[in-house]
C-alpha atoms as a PDB file:
ATOM      1  CA  MET A   1     -21.156  36.054 -34.068  1.00  0.00           C
ATOM      2  CA  SER A   2     -24.559  37.639 -33.952  1.00  0.00           C
ATOM      3  CA  ASP A   3     -27.775  35.651 -33.799  1.00  0.00           C
ATOM      4  CA  ALA A   4     -28.811  37.265 -37.095  1.00  0.00           C
ATOM      5  CA  TYR A   5     -25.906  35.552 -38.871  1.00  0.00           C
ATOM      6  CA  VAL A   6     -26.729  32.169 -37.362  1.00  0.00           C
ATOM      7  CA  CYS A   7     -30.368  32.542 -38.451  1.00  0.00           C
ATOM      8  CA  GLY A   8     -29.349  33.145 -42.062  1.00  0.00           C
ATOM      9  CA  ASP A   9     -29.551  36.953 -42.092  1.00  0.00           C
ATOM     10  CA  PRO A  10     -26.503  38.146 -44.028  1.00  0.00           C
ATOM     11  CA  ASP A  11     -25.701  40.440 -41.088  1.00  0.00           C
ATOM     12  CA  GLY A  12     -25.407  43.541 -43.208  1.00  0.00           C
ATOM     13  CA  LEU A  13     -23.193  42.007 -45.907  1.00  0.00           C
ATOM     14  CA  SER A  14     -23.583  43.170 -49.473  1.00  0.00           C
ATOM     15  CA  PRO A  15     -24.954  40.613 -51.963  1.00  0.00           C
ATOM     16  CA  LEU A  16     -21.438  40.164 -53.385  1.00  0.00           C
ATOM     17  CA  LEU A  17     -19.951  39.486 -49.950  1.00  0.00           C
ATOM     18  CA  VAL A  18     -22.727  36.984 -49.232  1.00  0.00           C
ATOM     19  CA  LYS A  19     -21.815  35.148 -52.466  1.00  0.00           C
ATOM     20  CA  ILE A  20     -18.119  35.172 -51.544  1.00  0.00           C
ATOM     21  CA  ARG A  21     -18.858  33.947 -48.008  1.00  0.00           C
ATOM     22  CA  ASP A  22     -20.982  31.126 -49.434  1.00  0.00           C
ATOM     23  CA  ALA A  23     -18.297  30.160 -51.970  1.00  0.00           C
ATOM     24  CA  VAL A  24     -15.665  29.988 -49.221  1.00  0.00           C
ATOM     25  CA  ALA A  25     -17.977  27.914 -47.024  1.00  0.00           C
ATOM     26  CA  ARG A  26     -18.752  25.490 -49.865  1.00  0.00           C
ATOM     27  CA  GLU A  27     -15.076  24.969 -50.667  1.00  0.00           C
ATOM     28  CA  LEU A  28     -14.094  24.520 -47.018  1.00  0.00           C
ATOM     29  CA  HIS A  29     -16.871  21.970 -46.630  1.00  0.00           C
ATOM     30  CA  ALA A  30     -15.671  20.116 -49.724  1.00  0.00           C
ATOM     31  CA  GLN A  31     -12.042  20.172 -48.570  1.00  0.00           C
ATOM     32  CA  LEU A  32     -12.965  18.878 -45.129  1.00  0.00           C
ATOM     33  CA  ALA A  33     -14.935  16.043 -46.711  1.00  0.00           C
ATOM     34  CA  LEU A  34     -11.966  15.149 -48.949  1.00  0.00           C
ATOM     35  CA  ARG A  35      -9.565  15.192 -46.002  1.00  0.00           C
ATOM     36  CA  ALA A  36     -11.593  13.174 -43.492  1.00  0.00           C
ATOM     37  CA  GLU A  37     -12.615  16.374 -41.665  1.00  0.00           C
ATOM     38  CA  ARG A  38      -9.031  17.231 -40.768  1.00  0.00           C
ATOM     39  CA  ILE A  39      -6.911  19.939 -42.354  1.00  0.00           C
ATOM     40  CA  GLU A  40      -3.179  19.507 -41.960  1.00  0.00           C
ATOM     41  CA  LEU A  41      -0.961  22.587 -41.951  1.00  0.00           C
ATOM     42  CA  ALA A  42       0.776  21.362 -45.105  1.00  0.00           C
ATOM     43  CA  ASP A  43      -2.614  21.338 -46.897  1.00  0.00           C
ATOM     44  CA  VAL A  44      -3.395  25.016 -46.223  1.00  0.00           C
ATOM     45  CA  PRO A  45      -1.768  26.399 -49.429  1.00  0.00           C
ATOM     46  CA  GLU A  46      -3.737  24.000 -51.639  1.00  0.00           C
ATOM     47  CA  ILE A  47      -6.964  24.747 -49.780  1.00  0.00           C
ATOM     48  CA  ALA A  48      -6.312  28.486 -50.088  1.00  0.00           C
ATOM     49  CA  TYR A  49      -5.787  28.023 -53.827  1.00  0.00           C
ATOM     50  CA  GLN A  50      -9.052  26.121 -54.194  1.00  0.00           C
ATOM     51  CA  ILE A  51     -10.913  28.776 -52.209  1.00  0.00           C
ATOM     52  CA  THR A  52      -9.389  31.455 -54.435  1.00  0.00           C
ATOM     53  CA  ARG A  53     -10.657  29.590 -57.495  1.00  0.00           C
ATOM     54  CA  GLN A  54     -14.162  29.457 -55.997  1.00  0.00           C
ATOM     55  CA  VAL A  55     -14.085  33.184 -55.269  1.00  0.00           C
ATOM     56  CA  GLU A  56     -12.839  33.850 -58.801  1.00  0.00           C
ATOM     57  CA  GLN A  57     -15.752  31.858 -60.232  1.00  0.00           C
ATOM     58  CA  THR A  58     -18.134  33.823 -58.024  1.00  0.00           C
ATOM     59  CA  LEU A  59     -16.715  37.144 -59.202  1.00  0.00           C
ATOM     60  CA  THR A  60     -16.644  36.247 -62.886  1.00  0.00           C
ATOM     61  CA  GLY A  61     -19.908  34.320 -62.900  1.00  0.00           C
ATOM     62  CA  ASP A  62     -18.360  31.249 -64.536  1.00  0.00           C
END
């Protein structure tokens, strides 16, 4: 990971990809908080679904 990314520079990502990255990060953060900061393998499909919903909201602007 480049230092630019760590410092908040989108590292050459388009504005849409920055929004998608942020939506994924928000949902992962929320899921980790709900699951006591531990993701079990059995939880991955549900987490993937929730991330997909966040990305869908980002793309549709809902």
